[in-house]
C-alpha atoms as a PDB file:
ATOM      1  CA  UNK A   1      -2.828  34.613   1.529  1.00  0.00           C
ATOM      2  CA  UNK A   2      -3.644  34.560   5.217  1.00  0.00           C
ATOM      3  CA  UNK A   3      -7.105  33.494   6.346  1.00  0.00           C
ATOM      4  CA  UNK A   4      -8.552  37.002   6.531  1.00  0.00           C
ATOM      5  CA  UNK A   5      -7.355  37.821   3.021  1.00  0.00           C
ATOM      6  CA  UNK A   6      -8.642  34.492   1.701  1.00  0.00           C
ATOM      7  CA  UNK A   7     -12.119  34.850   3.212  1.00  0.00           C
ATOM      8  CA  UNK A   8     -12.672  38.471   2.237  1.00  0.00           C
ATOM      9  CA  UNK A   9     -11.398  37.836  -1.299  1.00  0.00           C
ATOM     10  CA  UNK A  10     -13.697  34.842  -1.652  1.00  0.00           C
ATOM     11  CA  UNK A  11     -16.771  36.761  -0.514  1.00  0.00           C
ATOM     12  CA  UNK A  12     -15.909  39.561  -2.956  1.00  0.00           C
ATOM     13  CA  UNK A  13     -15.791  37.116  -5.853  1.00  0.00           C
ATOM     14  CA  UNK A  14     -12.039  37.342  -6.375  1.00  0.00           C
ATOM     15  CA  UNK A  15      -9.727  34.415  -7.063  1.00  0.00           C
ATOM     16  CA  UNK A  16      -8.236  32.712  -4.005  1.00  0.00           C
ATOM     17  CA  UNK A  17      -5.309  30.368  -3.530  1.00  0.00           C
ATOM     18  CA  UNK A  18      -7.739  27.749  -2.193  1.00  0.00           C
ATOM     19  CA  UNK A  19     -11.361  27.622  -1.084  1.00  0.00           C
ATOM     20  CA  UNK A  20     -11.572  28.870   2.521  1.00  0.00           C
ATOM     21  CA  UNK A  21     -12.827  26.297   5.003  1.00  0.00           C
ATOM     22  CA  UNK A  22     -14.297  26.450   8.508  1.00  0.00           C
ATOM     23  CA  UNK A  23     -16.398  24.430  10.906  1.00  0.00           C
ATOM     24  CA  UNK A  24     -17.624  25.207  14.402  1.00  0.00           C
ATOM     25  CA  UNK A  25     -19.017  23.103  17.231  1.00  0.00           C
ATOM     26  CA  UNK A  26     -19.940  23.217  20.885  1.00  0.00           C
ATOM     27  CA  UNK A  27     -17.324  22.214  23.436  1.00  0.00           C
ATOM     28  CA  UNK A  28     -18.982  20.607  26.458  1.00  0.00           C
ATOM     29  CA  UNK A  29     -18.345  21.349  29.300  1.00  0.00           C
ATOM     30  CA  UNK A  30     -15.584  23.834  28.364  1.00  0.00           C
ATOM     31  CA  UNK A  31     -18.152  26.446  27.336  1.00  0.00           C
ATOM     32  CA  UNK A  32     -19.261  26.720  30.967  1.00  0.00           C
ATOM     33  CA  UNK A  33     -15.795  26.808  32.548  1.00  0.00           C
ATOM     34  CA  UNK A  34     -14.967  30.450  31.891  1.00  0.00           C
ATOM     35  CA  UNK A  35     -13.706  32.557  29.032  1.00  0.00           C
ATOM     36  CA  UNK A  36     -10.093  31.395  29.295  1.00  0.00           C
ATOM     37  CA  UNK A  37     -10.995  27.714  28.997  1.00  0.00           C
ATOM     38  CA  UNK A  38     -13.321  28.165  26.018  1.00  0.00           C
ATOM     39  CA  UNK A  39     -10.826  30.442  24.287  1.00  0.00           C
ATOM     40  CA  UNK A  40      -8.035  27.906  24.802  1.00  0.00           C
ATOM     41  CA  UNK A  41     -10.182  25.103  23.341  1.00  0.00           C
ATOM     42  CA  UNK A  42     -11.295  27.264  20.418  1.00  0.00           C
ATOM     43  CA  UNK A  43      -7.723  28.238  19.584  1.00  0.00           C
ATOM     44  CA  UNK A  44      -6.552  24.629  19.721  1.00  0.00           C
ATOM     45  CA  UNK A  45      -9.417  23.451  17.492  1.00  0.00           C
ATOM     46  CA  UNK A  46      -8.756  26.218  14.947  1.00  0.00           C
ATOM     47  CA  UNK A  47      -5.042  25.451  14.782  1.00  0.00           C
ATOM     48  CA  UNK A  48      -5.547  21.687  14.691  1.00  0.00           C
ATOM     49  CA  UNK A  49      -7.783  21.873  11.625  1.00  0.00           C
ATOM     50  CA  UNK A  50      -6.221  24.973   9.993  1.00  0.00           C
ATOM     51  CA  UNK A  51      -9.585  26.737   9.840  1.00  0.00           C
ATOM     52  CA  UNK A  52     -10.046  29.981   7.949  1.00  0.00           C
ATOM     53  CA  UNK A  53     -12.797  31.475  10.118  1.00  0.00           C
ATOM     54  CA  UNK A  54     -13.729  31.276  13.789  1.00  0.00           C
ATOM     55  CA  UNK A  55     -17.362  31.404  14.820  1.00  0.00           C
ATOM     56  CA  UNK A  56     -16.854  31.843  18.544  1.00  0.00           C
ATOM     57  CA  UNK A  57     -19.343  29.402  20.048  1.00  0.00           C
ATOM     58  CA  UNK A  58     -20.256  30.288  23.643  1.00  0.00           C
ATOM     59  CA  UNK A  59     -22.985  28.439  25.517  1.00  0.00           C
ATOM     60  CA  UNK A  60     -26.194  29.098  23.589  1.00  0.00           C
ATOM     61  CA  UNK A  61     -28.103  30.219  26.672  1.00  0.00           C
ATOM     62  CA  UNK A  62     -25.701  33.097  27.368  1.00  0.00           C
ATOM     63  CA  UNK A  63     -28.230  35.163  25.415  1.00  0.00           C
ATOM     64  CA  UNK A  64     -30.938  34.707  28.062  1.00  0.00           C
ATOM     65  CA  UNK A  65     -28.913  34.687  31.280  1.00  0.00           C
ATOM     66  CA  UNK A  66     -29.207  38.459  31.882  1.00  0.00           C
ATOM     67  CA  UNK A  67     -32.992  38.095  32.147  1.00  0.00           C
ATOM     68  CA  UNK A  68     -32.869  35.166  34.568  1.00  0.00           C
ATOM     69  CA  UNK A  69     -33.028  31.979  32.505  1.00  0.00           C
ATOM     70  CA  UNK A  70     -30.880  29.319  34.171  1.00  0.00           C
ATOM     71  CA  UNK A  71     -29.319  26.098  32.918  1.00  0.00           C
ATOM     72  CA  UNK A  72     -27.201  23.532  34.705  1.00  0.00           C
ATOM     73  CA  UNK A  73     -24.741  21.075  33.214  1.00  0.00           C
ATOM     74  CA  UNK A  74     -25.534  17.385  33.539  1.00  0.00           C
ATOM     75  CA  UNK A  75     -23.163  14.495  34.045  1.00  0.00           C
ATOM     76  CA  UNK A  76     -22.630  14.257  30.294  1.00  0.00           C
ATOM     77  CA  UNK A  77     -21.423  17.867  30.283  1.00  0.00           C
ATOM     78  CA  UNK A  78     -24.423  19.163  28.319  1.00  0.00           C
ATOM     79  CA  UNK A  79     -26.704  22.003  29.446  1.00  0.00           C
ATOM     80  CA  UNK A  80     -30.105  21.196  30.947  1.00  0.00           C
ATOM     81  CA  UNK A  81     -32.802  23.816  31.502  1.00  0.00           C
ATOM     82  CA  UNK A  82     -33.506  24.720  35.128  1.00  0.00           C
ATOM     83  CA  UNK A  83     -36.012  27.528  34.577  1.00  0.00           C
ATOM     84  CA  UNK A  84     -37.088  30.122  32.075  1.00  0.00           C
ATOM     85  CA  UNK A  85     -37.173  33.802  32.973  1.00  0.00           C
ATOM     86  CA  UNK A  86     -40.713  34.140  31.605  1.00  0.00           C
ATOM     87  CA  UNK A  87     -42.989  31.550  33.164  1.00  0.00           C
ATOM     88  CA  UNK A  88     -46.366  33.242  32.834  1.00  0.00           C
ATOM     89  CA  UNK A  89     -47.761  35.798  30.372  1.00  0.00           C
ATOM     90  CA  UNK A  90     -47.480  38.664  32.847  1.00  0.00           C
ATOM     91  CA  UNK A  91     -43.702  38.174  32.962  1.00  0.00           C
ATOM     92  CA  UNK A  92     -43.236  39.728  29.508  1.00  0.00           C
ATOM     93  CA  UNK A  93     -43.417  43.147  31.128  1.00  0.00           C
ATOM     94  CA  UNK A  94     -40.191  42.404  33.016  1.00  0.00           C
ATOM     95  CA  UNK A  95     -38.138  41.972  29.820  1.00  0.00           C
ATOM     96  CA  UNK A  96     -36.303  45.276  29.533  1.00  0.00           C
ATOM     97  CA  UNK A  97     -33.038  46.379  27.986  1.00  0.00           C
ATOM     98  CA  UNK A  98     -29.867  45.015  29.597  1.00  0.00           C
ATOM     99  CA  UNK A  99     -26.389  46.492  29.786  1.00  0.00           C
ATOM    100  CA  UNK A 100     -23.299  45.241  27.998  1.00  0.00           C
ATOM    101  CA  UNK A 101     -21.817  45.037  31.494  1.00  0.00           C
ATOM    102  CA  UNK A 102     -23.859  41.892  32.214  1.00  0.00           C
ATOM    103  CA  UNK A 103     -21.468  39.074  33.261  1.00  0.00           C
ATOM    104  CA  UNK A 104     -22.482  36.776  30.384  1.00  0.00           C
ATOM    105  CA  UNK A 105     -21.720  39.507  27.847  1.00  0.00           C
ATOM    106  CA  UNK A 106     -18.425  40.423  29.457  1.00  0.00           C
ATOM    107  CA  UNK A 107     -17.398  36.763  29.419  1.00  0.00           C
ATOM    108  CA  UNK A 108     -18.112  36.615  25.676  1.00  0.00           C
ATOM    109  CA  UNK A 109     -16.038  39.734  24.990  1.00  0.00           C
ATOM    110  CA  UNK A 110     -13.157  38.565  27.169  1.00  0.00           C
ATOM    111  CA  UNK A 111     -13.024  35.159  25.471  1.00  0.00           C
ATOM    112  CA  UNK A 112     -12.911  36.710  22.027  1.00  0.00           C
ATOM    113  CA  UNK A 113     -10.124  39.076  23.075  1.00  0.00           C
ATOM    114  CA  UNK A 114      -8.071  36.056  24.128  1.00  0.00           C
ATOM    115  CA  UNK A 115      -8.675  34.339  20.787  1.00  0.00           C
ATOM    116  CA  UNK A 116      -7.879  37.473  18.795  1.00  0.00           C
ATOM    117  CA  UNK A 117      -4.586  37.904  20.652  1.00  0.00           C
ATOM    118  CA  UNK A 118      -3.383  34.475  19.512  1.00  0.00           C
ATOM    119  CA  UNK A 119      -4.989  34.332  16.041  1.00  0.00           C
ATOM    120  CA  UNK A 120      -5.002  37.919  14.739  1.00  0.00           C
ATOM    121  CA  UNK A 121      -5.160  36.947  11.055  1.00  0.00           C
ATOM    122  CA  UNK A 122      -8.130  34.570  11.293  1.00  0.00           C
ATOM    123  CA  UNK A 123     -11.579  36.169  10.910  1.00  0.00           C
ATOM    124  CA  UNK A 124     -13.399  36.035  14.241  1.00  0.00           C
ATOM    125  CA  UNK A 125     -17.195  36.291  14.560  1.00  0.00           C
ATOM    126  CA  UNK A 126     -19.381  36.678  17.644  1.00  0.00           C
ATOM    127  CA  UNK A 127     -22.457  34.445  17.807  1.00  0.00           C
ATOM    128  CA  UNK A 128     -25.680  36.394  18.374  1.00  0.00           C
ATOM    129  CA  UNK A 129     -29.175  34.928  18.005  1.00  0.00           C
ATOM    130  CA  UNK A 130     -32.106  36.614  16.327  1.00  0.00           C
ATOM    131  CA  UNK A 131     -34.151  38.360  19.047  1.00  0.00           C
ATOM    132  CA  UNK A 132     -36.892  35.769  18.483  1.00  0.00           C
ATOM    133  CA  UNK A 133     -34.320  33.081  19.318  1.00  0.00           C
ATOM    134  CA  UNK A 134     -33.388  34.976  22.479  1.00  0.00           C
ATOM    135  CA  UNK A 135     -37.057  35.083  23.502  1.00  0.00           C
ATOM    136  CA  UNK A 136     -37.172  31.324  22.960  1.00  0.00           C
ATOM    137  CA  UNK A 137     -34.362  30.976  25.518  1.00  0.00           C
ATOM    138  CA  UNK A 138     -36.149  33.386  27.852  1.00  0.00           C
ATOM    139  CA  UNK A 139     -39.629  31.847  27.660  1.00  0.00           C
ATOM    140  CA  UNK A 140     -39.611  28.654  25.586  1.00  0.00           C
ATOM    141  CA  UNK A 141     -40.688  28.314  21.976  1.00  0.00           C
ATOM    142  CA  UNK A 142     -44.245  27.196  22.750  1.00  0.00           C
ATOM    143  CA  UNK A 143     -44.964  30.285  24.829  1.00  0.00           C
ATOM    144  CA  UNK A 144     -43.422  32.647  22.281  1.00  0.00           C
ATOM    145  CA  UNK A 145     -45.508  31.184  19.452  1.00  0.00           C
ATOM    146  CA  UNK A 146     -48.677  31.287  21.583  1.00  0.00           C
ATOM    147  CA  UNK A 147     -48.147  34.858  22.714  1.00  0.00           C
ATOM    148  CA  UNK A 148     -47.314  36.092  19.210  1.00  0.00           C
ATOM    149  CA  UNK A 149     -50.959  35.261  18.577  1.00  0.00           C
ATOM    150  CA  UNK A 150     -52.477  36.220  21.935  1.00  0.00           C
ATOM    151  CA  UNK A 151     -50.240  39.040  23.213  1.00  0.00           C
ATOM    152  CA  UNK A 152     -48.467  40.455  20.168  1.00  0.00           C
ATOM    153  CA  UNK A 153     -47.868  43.908  21.622  1.00  0.00           C
ATOM    154  CA  UNK A 154     -46.145  42.474  24.703  1.00  0.00           C
ATOM    155  CA  UNK A 155     -43.983  40.194  22.551  1.00  0.00           C
ATOM    156  CA  UNK A 156     -43.073  43.110  20.275  1.00  0.00           C
ATOM    157  CA  UNK A 157     -42.064  45.205  23.285  1.00  0.00           C
ATOM    158  CA  UNK A 158     -39.868  42.377  24.573  1.00  0.00           C
ATOM    159  CA  UNK A 159     -38.329  41.946  21.124  1.00  0.00           C
ATOM    160  CA  UNK A 160     -37.516  45.661  21.005  1.00  0.00           C
ATOM    161  CA  UNK A 161     -35.756  45.503  24.383  1.00  0.00           C
ATOM    162  CA  UNK A 162     -33.786  42.408  23.355  1.00  0.00           C
ATOM    163  CA  UNK A 163     -32.826  43.946  19.992  1.00  0.00           C
ATOM    164  CA  UNK A 164     -31.588  47.116  21.696  1.00  0.00           C
ATOM    165  CA  UNK A 165     -29.576  44.997  24.122  1.00  0.00           C
ATOM    166  CA  UNK A 166     -27.896  42.970  21.410  1.00  0.00           C
ATOM    167  CA  UNK A 167     -27.350  45.955  19.131  1.00  0.00           C
ATOM    168  CA  UNK A 168     -25.239  47.432  21.915  1.00  0.00           C
ATOM    169  CA  UNK A 169     -23.470  44.109  22.407  1.00  0.00           C
ATOM    170  CA  UNK A 170     -22.868  43.834  18.641  1.00  0.00           C
ATOM    171  CA  UNK A 171     -21.255  47.271  18.697  1.00  0.00           C
ATOM    172  CA  UNK A 172     -19.002  46.163  21.548  1.00  0.00           C
ATOM    173  CA  UNK A 173     -18.150  42.953  19.672  1.00  0.00           C
ATOM    174  CA  UNK A 174     -17.180  44.970  16.598  1.00  0.00           C
ATOM    175  CA  UNK A 175     -14.432  46.540  18.695  1.00  0.00           C
ATOM    176  CA  UNK A 176     -13.007  43.083  19.472  1.00  0.00           C
ATOM    177  CA  UNK A 177     -13.690  40.878  16.436  1.00  0.00           C
ATOM    178  CA  UNK A 178     -14.471  41.141  12.722  1.00  0.00           C
ATOM    179  CA  UNK A 179     -18.239  40.934  12.915  1.00  0.00           C
ATOM    180  CA  UNK A 180     -21.277  39.075  14.180  1.00  0.00           C
ATOM    181  CA  UNK A 181     -22.765  35.761  13.141  1.00  0.00           C
ATOM    182  CA  UNK A 182     -26.502  36.470  13.427  1.00  0.00           C
ATOM    183  CA  UNK A 183     -28.278  33.120  13.728  1.00  0.00           C
ATOM    184  CA  UNK A 184     -32.019  32.905  13.116  1.00  0.00           C
ATOM    185  CA  UNK A 185     -32.065  29.461  14.847  1.00  0.00           C
ATOM    186  CA  UNK A 186     -35.414  27.788  14.025  1.00  0.00           C
ATOM    187  CA  UNK A 187     -37.420  30.976  13.470  1.00  0.00           C
ATOM    188  CA  UNK A 188     -36.863  31.957   9.806  1.00  0.00           C
ATOM    189  CA  UNK A 189     -38.476  28.774   8.533  1.00  0.00           C
ATOM    190  CA  UNK A 190     -41.739  28.132   6.747  1.00  0.00           C
ATOM    191  CA  UNK A 191     -42.718  25.478   9.283  1.00  0.00           C
ATOM    192  CA  UNK A 192     -42.304  27.952  12.167  1.00  0.00           C
ATOM    193  CA  UNK A 193     -43.607  31.330  10.958  1.00  0.00           C
ATOM    194  CA  UNK A 194     -45.300  32.514   7.791  1.00  0.00           C
ATOM    195  CA  UNK A 195     -43.191  34.940   5.775  1.00  0.00           C
ATOM    196  CA  UNK A 196     -45.380  37.886   6.724  1.00  0.00           C
ATOM    197  CA  UNK A 197     -45.197  37.011  10.406  1.00  0.00           C
ATOM    198  CA  UNK A 198     -41.416  36.848  10.250  1.00  0.00           C
ATOM    199  CA  UNK A 199     -41.363  40.227   8.515  1.00  0.00           C
ATOM    200  CA  UNK A 200     -43.226  41.655  11.505  1.00  0.00           C
ATOM    201  CA  UNK A 201     -41.662  39.792  14.430  1.00  0.00           C
ATOM    202  CA  UNK A 202     -38.251  38.915  13.016  1.00  0.00           C
ATOM    203  CA  UNK A 203     -36.798  41.184  10.365  1.00  0.00           C
ATOM    204  CA  UNK A 204     -37.031  44.619  12.065  1.00  0.00           C
ATOM    205  CA  UNK A 205     -35.292  43.285  15.144  1.00  0.00           C
ATOM    206  CA  UNK A 206     -32.651  41.358  13.177  1.00  0.00           C
ATOM    207  CA  UNK A 207     -31.835  44.578  11.347  1.00  0.00           C
ATOM    208  CA  UNK A 208     -31.665  46.430  14.645  1.00  0.00           C
ATOM    209  CA  UNK A 209     -29.000  44.033  15.909  1.00  0.00           C
ATOM    210  CA  UNK A 210     -27.036  44.250  12.666  1.00  0.00           C
ATOM    211  CA  UNK A 211     -27.163  48.049  12.855  1.00  0.00           C
ATOM    212  CA  UNK A 212     -25.132  47.779  16.037  1.00  0.00           C
ATOM    213  CA  UNK A 213     -22.428  45.933  14.074  1.00  0.00           C
ATOM    214  CA  UNK A 214     -22.502  48.268  11.050  1.00  0.00           C
ATOM    215  CA  UNK A 215     -18.854  49.253  11.536  1.00  0.00           C
ATOM    216  CA  UNK A 216     -17.720  45.615  11.448  1.00  0.00           C
ATOM    217  CA  UNK A 217     -16.061  44.382   8.280  1.00  0.00           C
ATOM    218  CA  UNK A 218     -17.488  40.848   8.169  1.00  0.00           C
ATOM    219  CA  UNK A 219     -21.052  40.256   9.349  1.00  0.00           C
ATOM    220  CA  UNK A 220     -22.721  36.937   8.511  1.00  0.00           C
ATOM    221  CA  UNK A 221     -26.355  35.801   8.571  1.00  0.00           C
ATOM    222  CA  UNK A 222     -27.097  32.171   9.417  1.00  0.00           C
ATOM    223  CA  UNK A 223     -30.506  30.817   8.385  1.00  0.00           C
ATOM    224  CA  UNK A 224     -31.037  27.483  10.080  1.00  0.00           C
ATOM    225  CA  UNK A 225     -32.927  24.321   9.176  1.00  0.00           C
ATOM    226  CA  UNK A 226     -35.009  23.075   6.222  1.00  0.00           C
ATOM    227  CA  UNK A 227     -37.441  25.244   4.315  1.00  0.00           C
ATOM    228  CA  UNK A 228     -35.665  28.401   5.434  1.00  0.00           C
ATOM    229  CA  UNK A 229     -36.060  31.954   4.139  1.00  0.00           C
ATOM    230  CA  UNK A 230     -32.514  31.955   2.786  1.00  0.00           C
ATOM    231  CA  UNK A 231     -33.017  34.036  -0.353  1.00  0.00           C
ATOM    232  CA  UNK A 232     -35.621  36.261   1.319  1.00  0.00           C
ATOM    233  CA  UNK A 233     -33.222  37.368   4.064  1.00  0.00           C
ATOM    234  CA  UNK A 234     -30.057  37.476   1.970  1.00  0.00           C
ATOM    235  CA  UNK A 235     -30.510  41.218   1.410  1.00  0.00           C
ATOM    236  CA  UNK A 236     -29.703  41.882   5.044  1.00  0.00           C
ATOM    237  CA  UNK A 237     -26.548  44.057   5.313  1.00  0.00           C
ATOM    238  CA  UNK A 238     -24.089  41.166   5.605  1.00  0.00           C
ATOM    239  CA  UNK A 239     -21.065  39.915   3.709  1.00  0.00           C
ATOM    240  CA  UNK A 240     -22.258  36.318   3.498  1.00  0.00           C
ATOM    241  CA  UNK A 241     -25.109  33.953   4.290  1.00  0.00           C
ATOM    242  CA  UNK A 242     -24.694  30.594   6.008  1.00  0.00           C
ATOM    243  CA  UNK A 243     -27.268  27.809   5.579  1.00  0.00           C
ATOM    244  CA  UNK A 244     -27.578  24.099   4.847  1.00  0.00           C
ATOM    245  CA  UNK A 245     -28.093  23.641   1.105  1.00  0.00           C
ATOM    246  CA  UNK A 246     -28.533  19.901   1.587  1.00  0.00           C
ATOM    247  CA  UNK A 247     -31.826  20.214   3.508  1.00  0.00           C
ATOM    248  CA  UNK A 248     -35.212  20.080   1.820  1.00  0.00           C
ATOM    249  CA  UNK A 249     -36.692  23.361   0.661  1.00  0.00           C
ATOM    250  CA  UNK A 250     -33.359  25.199   0.740  1.00  0.00           C
ATOM    251  CA  UNK A 251     -31.471  26.591  -2.276  1.00  0.00           C
ATOM    252  CA  UNK A 252     -28.387  24.806  -3.510  1.00  0.00           C
ATOM    253  CA  UNK A 253     -25.066  26.638  -3.505  1.00  0.00           C
ATOM    254  CA  UNK A 254     -25.436  27.255  -7.236  1.00  0.00           C
ATOM    255  CA  UNK A 255     -29.007  28.543  -6.899  1.00  0.00           C
ATOM    256  CA  UNK A 256     -28.030  30.925  -4.114  1.00  0.00           C
ATOM    257  CA  UNK A 257     -25.083  32.403  -5.995  1.00  0.00           C
ATOM    258  CA  UNK A 258     -27.267  32.880  -9.083  1.00  0.00           C
ATOM    259  CA  UNK A 259     -30.004  34.594  -7.068  1.00  0.00           C
ATOM    260  CA  UNK A 260     -27.757  36.671  -4.786  1.00  0.00           C
ATOM    261  CA  UNK A 261     -24.524  37.317  -6.685  1.00  0.00           C
ATOM    262  CA  UNK A 262     -23.246  39.971  -4.278  1.00  0.00           C
ATOM    263  CA  UNK A 263     -23.174  37.838  -1.112  1.00  0.00           C
ATOM    264  CA  UNK A 264     -20.805  35.104  -0.072  1.00  0.00           C
ATOM    265  CA  UNK A 265     -22.129  31.589   0.484  1.00  0.00           C
ATOM    266  CA  UNK A 266     -21.203  29.545   3.580  1.00  0.00           C
ATOM    267  CA  UNK A 267     -22.023  25.843   3.837  1.00  0.00           C
ATOM    268  CA  UNK A 268     -21.997  22.774   1.615  1.00  0.00           C
ATOM    269  CA  UNK A 269     -21.075  19.881   3.900  1.00  0.00           C
ATOM    270  CA  UNK A 270     -23.566  17.511   5.518  1.00  0.00           C
ATOM    271  CA  UNK A 271     -23.283  16.248   9.075  1.00  0.00           C
ATOM    272  CA  UNK A 272     -22.579  12.810   7.624  1.00  0.00           C
ATOM    273  CA  UNK A 273     -19.453  14.168   5.979  1.00  0.00           C
ATOM    274  CA  UNK A 274     -17.973  14.727   9.443  1.00  0.00           C
ATOM    275  CA  UNK A 275     -19.455  11.840  11.426  1.00  0.00           C
ATOM    276  CA  UNK A 276     -19.374   8.884   9.041  1.00  0.00           C
ATOM    277  CA  UNK A 277     -16.324   6.679   8.896  1.00  0.00           C
ATOM    278  CA  UNK A 278     -16.140   6.880   5.099  1.00  0.00           C
ATOM    279  CA  UNK A 279     -13.732   9.685   4.116  1.00  0.00           C
ATOM    280  CA  UNK A 280     -15.045   9.496   0.566  1.00  0.00           C
ATOM    281  CA  UNK A 281     -18.095  11.484   1.744  1.00  0.00           C
ATOM    282  CA  UNK A 282     -16.309  14.746   2.648  1.00  0.00           C
ATOM    283  CA  UNK A 283     -14.141  14.411  -0.462  1.00  0.00           C
ATOM    284  CA  UNK A 284     -17.194  13.955  -2.689  1.00  0.00           C
ATOM    285  CA  UNK A 285     -19.062  16.862  -1.089  1.00  0.00           C
ATOM    286  CA  UNK A 286     -16.012  19.118  -1.475  1.00  0.00           C
ATOM    287  CA  UNK A 287     -15.932  18.333  -5.197  1.00  0.00           C
ATOM    288  CA  UNK A 288     -19.680  18.974  -5.509  1.00  0.00           C
ATOM    289  CA  UNK A 289     -19.272  22.372  -3.861  1.00  0.00           C
ATOM    290  CA  UNK A 290     -16.445  23.375  -6.183  1.00  0.00           C
ATOM    291  CA  UNK A 291     -18.511  22.308  -9.185  1.00  0.00           C
ATOM    292  CA  UNK A 292     -21.492  24.400  -8.064  1.00  0.00           C
ATOM    293  CA  UNK A 293     -19.572  27.540  -7.113  1.00  0.00           C
ATOM    294  CA  UNK A 294     -16.549  27.524  -9.379  1.00  0.00           C
ATOM    295  CA  UNK A 295     -14.596  28.073  -6.150  1.00  0.00           C
ATOM    296  CA  UNK A 296     -15.866  31.693  -6.042  1.00  0.00           C
ATOM    297  CA  UNK A 297     -17.894  33.468  -3.338  1.00  0.00           C
ATOM    298  CA  UNK A 298     -17.811  30.305  -1.233  1.00  0.00           C
ATOM    299  CA  UNK A 299     -16.542  29.448   2.226  1.00  0.00           C
ATOM    300  CA  UNK A 300     -16.923  25.687   2.606  1.00  0.00           C
ATOM    301  CA  UNK A 301     -18.422  24.716   5.961  1.00  0.00           C
ATOM    302  CA  UNK A 302     -21.038  22.609   7.657  1.00  0.00           C
ATOM    303  CA  UNK A 303     -24.661  23.607   7.365  1.00  0.00           C
ATOM    304  CA  UNK A 304     -24.749  24.614  11.026  1.00  0.00           C
ATOM    305  CA  UNK A 305     -22.841  23.745  14.194  1.00  0.00           C
ATOM    306  CA  UNK A 306     -21.288  20.357  13.431  1.00  0.00           C
ATOM    307  CA  UNK A 307     -22.008  17.408  15.743  1.00  0.00           C
ATOM    308  CA  UNK A 308     -19.774  16.950  18.784  1.00  0.00           C
ATOM    309  CA  UNK A 309     -19.194  13.415  17.458  1.00  0.00           C
ATOM    310  CA  UNK A 310     -17.492  14.765  14.316  1.00  0.00           C
ATOM    311  CA  UNK A 311     -14.315  12.868  13.480  1.00  0.00           C
ATOM    312  CA  UNK A 312     -11.093  14.912  13.269  1.00  0.00           C
ATOM    313  CA  UNK A 313      -9.879  12.912  10.286  1.00  0.00           C
ATOM    314  CA  UNK A 314     -13.116  13.682   8.404  1.00  0.00           C
ATOM    315  CA  UNK A 315     -12.734  17.428   9.042  1.00  0.00           C
ATOM    316  CA  UNK A 316      -9.176  17.203   7.749  1.00  0.00           C
ATOM    317  CA  UNK A 317     -10.277  15.204   4.703  1.00  0.00           C
ATOM    318  CA  UNK A 318     -12.769  17.943   3.776  1.00  0.00           C
ATOM    319  CA  UNK A 319     -10.130  20.646   4.140  1.00  0.00           C
ATOM    320  CA  UNK A 320      -7.508  18.700   2.184  1.00  0.00           C
ATOM    321  CA  UNK A 321      -9.909  17.922  -0.645  1.00  0.00           C
ATOM    322  CA  UNK A 322     -10.633  21.630  -1.059  1.00  0.00           C
ATOM    323  CA  UNK A 323      -6.939  22.493  -1.021  1.00  0.00           C
ATOM    324  CA  UNK A 324      -6.281  19.902  -3.691  1.00  0.00           C
ATOM    325  CA  UNK A 325      -8.902  21.487  -5.907  1.00  0.00           C
END
């Protein structure tokens, strides 16, 4: 089996030659040095660890750049906020639909084309945030939460414009890669929004973005953090759901597969599995995942973007333990 065959078979509940495995991380400062540099680093990382899926990880703030949010990169190579696009309530009216021709979007598409050219048999996903997560990058989380209460109609109008923008980008991505990785960031969580509030301000716009990628073969939903609406959102039109089953208030791998038997599960490894010096941790967590899933409908991965301090030998230990069964 090649990686694409392995992943799609796993998500369909069919037997695989081994459990598919993937991790993704940020590459500082490569993510800000152009599409060619990030693609080169992504390809090298995928080959080095023999990964079965690529979540193409551009700079997170690419989502907000078309509206005027600006970051700079500090001496440690990490992004630091310069200014938000929305700095006062009246600025919401300036958040309109943007074109796929925006430089940040074209850079994303170009980078993925470069990766696809070298790794045609490895599933490739484009990272797109929930429109609420994009508004967070445009205005800051505190303002978004405040204005959901005080100016809901203006926030809803901005969400509609952002969703239309990213639906068009998702459609363009589907021409280049296998699907989108729609990340709810910190928004689909009980400690951020009540379920009813997310149904109003989150779900319709998430579905709008996914509609843009409806012709893609492999769309994934990522529900981030503890106490997340994992089961609630698993009926989105996706092939699989990614989350961290090791965080409080989240379903285990076994509980998810029992509740949602027609979706693939992505996750299972803790951050400690990749950062600690004890290689027994990734080996133990691999065995726990196999026991919970029966090695079906599961792509073993971290619960989110893995730390930049992750140890290469720990990533390899997790992969090898899965291959050994």
